[in-house]
Amino acid sequence: MSRETNEATLTRAIEAINAGDVETGVNTLFAEGAVDHDPAPGQGPGRAGFLAFFRTLSAAFPDLRLEQRYVTANDEHVAMAFIVSGTHQGDFNGVPPSGRAFKVNGVEFFRFVDGQVVERWGLTDDMSLLGQLGLLSLPH
């Protein structure tokens, strides 16, 4: 697939997730056997693992929002810097809702085959996220 096609697929997936349609977003973006090289704790394999992860996030943060900040691509790879934000309104891995909002940076690197992600690498500023939610005391 072309760079433009892969970028458009990523944008459509993010738009679906931002609209609360996690299933469409994940199914659009990830191939069935996609490999996550940086999975969240307890995240299962493949598309099902990504779907479970995003369902957990959207239940804990119903206003979850992903914002593309910078995207670069070639015909096989797409790299993205992004901001993720939300308000803690539901259980988050055993932590009851705090009502606190967060906004943190992250980066993703995807490898596409036939228009879907088959490999993903990424990092989100989890320390800042935990600090903003009051779950970790960070120095000022």
Protein backbone atom coordinates (compact mmCIF):
# COMPACT_ATOMS: atom_id res chain seq x y z
CA MET A 1 0.00 0.00 0.00
CA SER A 2 1.04 3.59 -0.40
CA ARG A 3 2.18 5.99 2.25
CA GLU A 4 -0.98 8.04 1.71
CA THR A 5 -3.22 4.98 2.14
CA ASN A 6 -1.49 3.97 5.38
CA GLU A 7 -1.69 7.51 6.79
CA ALA A 8 -5.38 7.68 5.87
CA THR A 9 -6.02 4.35 7.61
CA LEU A 10 -4.35 5.65 10.78
CA THR A 11 -6.39 8.86 10.66
CA ARG A 12 -9.68 6.95 10.17
CA ALA A 13 -8.86 4.65 13.09
CA ILE A 14 -8.06 7.59 15.40
CA GLU A 15 -11.26 9.37 14.37
CA ALA A 16 -13.29 6.24 15.22
CA ILE A 17 -11.58 5.82 18.60
CA ASN A 18 -12.10 9.53 19.39
CA ALA A 19 -15.80 9.10 18.54
CA GLY A 20 -16.03 6.22 21.04
CA ASP A 21 -16.12 3.48 18.39
CA VAL A 22 -13.12 1.53 19.63
CA GLU A 23 -14.04 -1.65 17.76
CA THR A 24 -14.11 0.05 14.35
CA GLY A 25 -10.90 1.94 15.12
CA VAL A 26 -8.99 -1.17 16.16
CA ASN A 27 -10.40 -3.34 13.35
CA THR A 28 -9.54 -0.66 10.80
CA LEU A 29 -5.96 -0.26 11.96
CA PHE A 30 -4.68 -3.62 13.17
CA ALA A 31 -4.32 -6.90 11.30
CA GLU A 32 -5.66 -9.98 13.10
CA GLY A 33 -2.20 -11.20 14.17
CA ALA A 34 -0.60 -7.79 14.74
CA VAL A 35 2.39 -7.87 17.08
CA ASP A 36 2.73 -5.23 19.80
CA HIS A 37 6.40 -4.91 20.74
CA ASP A 38 5.49 -2.65 23.69
CA PRO A 39 2.23 -4.07 25.07
CA ALA A 40 0.48 -2.66 28.11
CA PRO A 41 0.66 -4.81 31.26
CA GLY A 42 -1.68 -7.77 30.82
CA GLN A 43 -2.39 -6.97 27.16
CA GLY A 44 -3.09 -10.10 25.14
CA PRO A 45 -1.76 -10.81 21.65
CA GLY A 46 -3.04 -9.68 18.28
CA ARG A 47 -5.98 -7.51 17.35
CA ALA A 48 -7.95 -8.91 20.30
CA GLY A 49 -5.27 -7.61 22.68
CA PHE A 50 -5.40 -4.13 21.15
CA LEU A 51 -9.20 -4.18 21.34
CA ALA A 52 -9.20 -5.18 25.02
CA PHE A 53 -6.62 -2.46 25.76
CA PHE A 54 -8.66 0.28 24.07
CA ARG A 55 -11.89 -0.94 25.67
CA THR A 56 -10.22 -0.67 29.10
CA LEU A 57 -8.97 2.83 28.30
CA SER A 58 -12.29 4.06 26.94
CA ALA A 59 -14.17 2.66 29.96
CA ALA A 60 -11.80 4.41 32.37
CA PHE A 61 -11.58 7.59 30.27
CA PRO A 62 -14.86 7.96 28.31
CA ASP A 63 -13.65 11.25 26.81
CA LEU A 64 -10.38 9.66 25.61
CA ARG A 65 -8.87 11.69 22.80
CA LEU A 66 -5.87 11.01 20.56
CA GLU A 67 -4.42 13.97 18.68
CA GLN A 68 -1.88 13.52 15.92
CA ARG A 69 0.91 16.06 16.34
CA TYR A 70 3.37 14.89 13.70
CA VAL A 71 3.20 12.07 11.17
CA THR A 72 5.86 10.86 8.76
CA ALA A 73 5.64 7.80 6.57
CA ASN A 74 6.91 5.73 3.70
CA ASP A 75 5.12 2.90 1.88
CA GLU A 76 5.63 0.44 4.75
CA HIS A 77 5.97 2.47 7.96
CA VAL A 78 4.12 5.30 9.68
CA ALA A 79 5.58 7.16 12.66
CA MET A 80 3.43 9.46 14.75
CA ALA A 81 3.95 11.82 17.66
CA PHE A 82 0.67 12.36 19.49
CA ILE A 83 -1.08 13.72 22.55
CA VAL A 84 -3.50 11.52 24.47
CA SER A 85 -5.91 13.00 26.99
CA GLY A 86 -8.93 12.07 29.04
CA THR A 87 -10.72 12.29 32.37
CA HIS A 88 -10.59 9.42 34.85
CA GLN A 89 -14.29 8.54 35.16
CA GLY A 90 -14.18 4.74 35.41
CA ASP A 91 -12.10 1.94 36.91
CA PHE A 92 -8.54 2.00 35.57
CA ASN A 93 -6.83 -1.34 36.26
CA GLY A 94 -8.33 -1.51 39.74
CA VAL A 95 -8.00 2.21 40.51
CA PRO A 96 -11.39 3.83 41.18
CA PRO A 97 -12.28 6.99 39.25
CA SER A 98 -10.66 10.18 40.51
CA GLY A 99 -12.31 12.71 38.20
CA ARG A 100 -8.84 13.99 37.31
CA ALA A 101 -7.85 14.82 33.76
CA PHE A 102 -4.57 13.98 32.06
CA LYS A 103 -2.80 15.09 28.90
CA VAL A 104 0.48 13.43 27.88
CA ASN A 105 2.72 12.91 24.87
CA GLY A 106 3.54 9.71 23.08
CA VAL A 107 5.12 8.27 19.95
CA GLU A 108 4.09 5.32 17.80
CA PHE A 109 5.84 3.47 15.01
CA PHE A 110 3.74 1.16 12.84
CA ARG A 111 4.65 -1.34 10.11
CA PHE A 112 1.87 -1.84 7.58
CA VAL A 113 1.19 -4.77 5.26
CA ASP A 114 -1.80 -4.73 2.90
CA GLY A 115 -3.21 -1.58 4.52
CA GLN A 116 -3.14 -2.71 8.18
CA VAL A 117 -0.64 -2.62 11.02
CA VAL A 118 1.24 -5.88 11.53
CA GLU A 119 3.79 -4.52 14.03
CA ARG A 120 3.63 -1.67 16.52
CA TRP A 121 6.24 -0.03 18.74
CA GLY A 122 5.38 2.88 20.99
CA LEU A 123 5.85 4.84 24.17
CA THR A 124 3.53 7.10 26.12
CA ASP A 125 4.62 9.29 29.02
CA ASP A 126 3.11 6.97 31.64
CA MET A 127 4.95 8.67 34.52
CA SER A 128 3.26 11.99 33.73
CA LEU A 129 -0.09 10.25 33.24
CA LEU A 130 0.14 8.61 36.68
CA GLY A 131 1.28 11.88 38.25
CA GLN A 132 -1.60 13.85 36.71
CA LEU A 133 -4.05 11.24 37.99
CA GLY A 134 -2.56 11.57 41.49
CA LEU A 135 -1.29 7.98 41.47
CA LEU A 136 2.39 8.91 41.58
CA SER A 137 4.08 11.76 43.38
CA LEU A 138 6.43 13.58 41.03
CA PRO A 139 8.90 16.31 42.03
CA HIS A 140 8.06 19.78 40.73
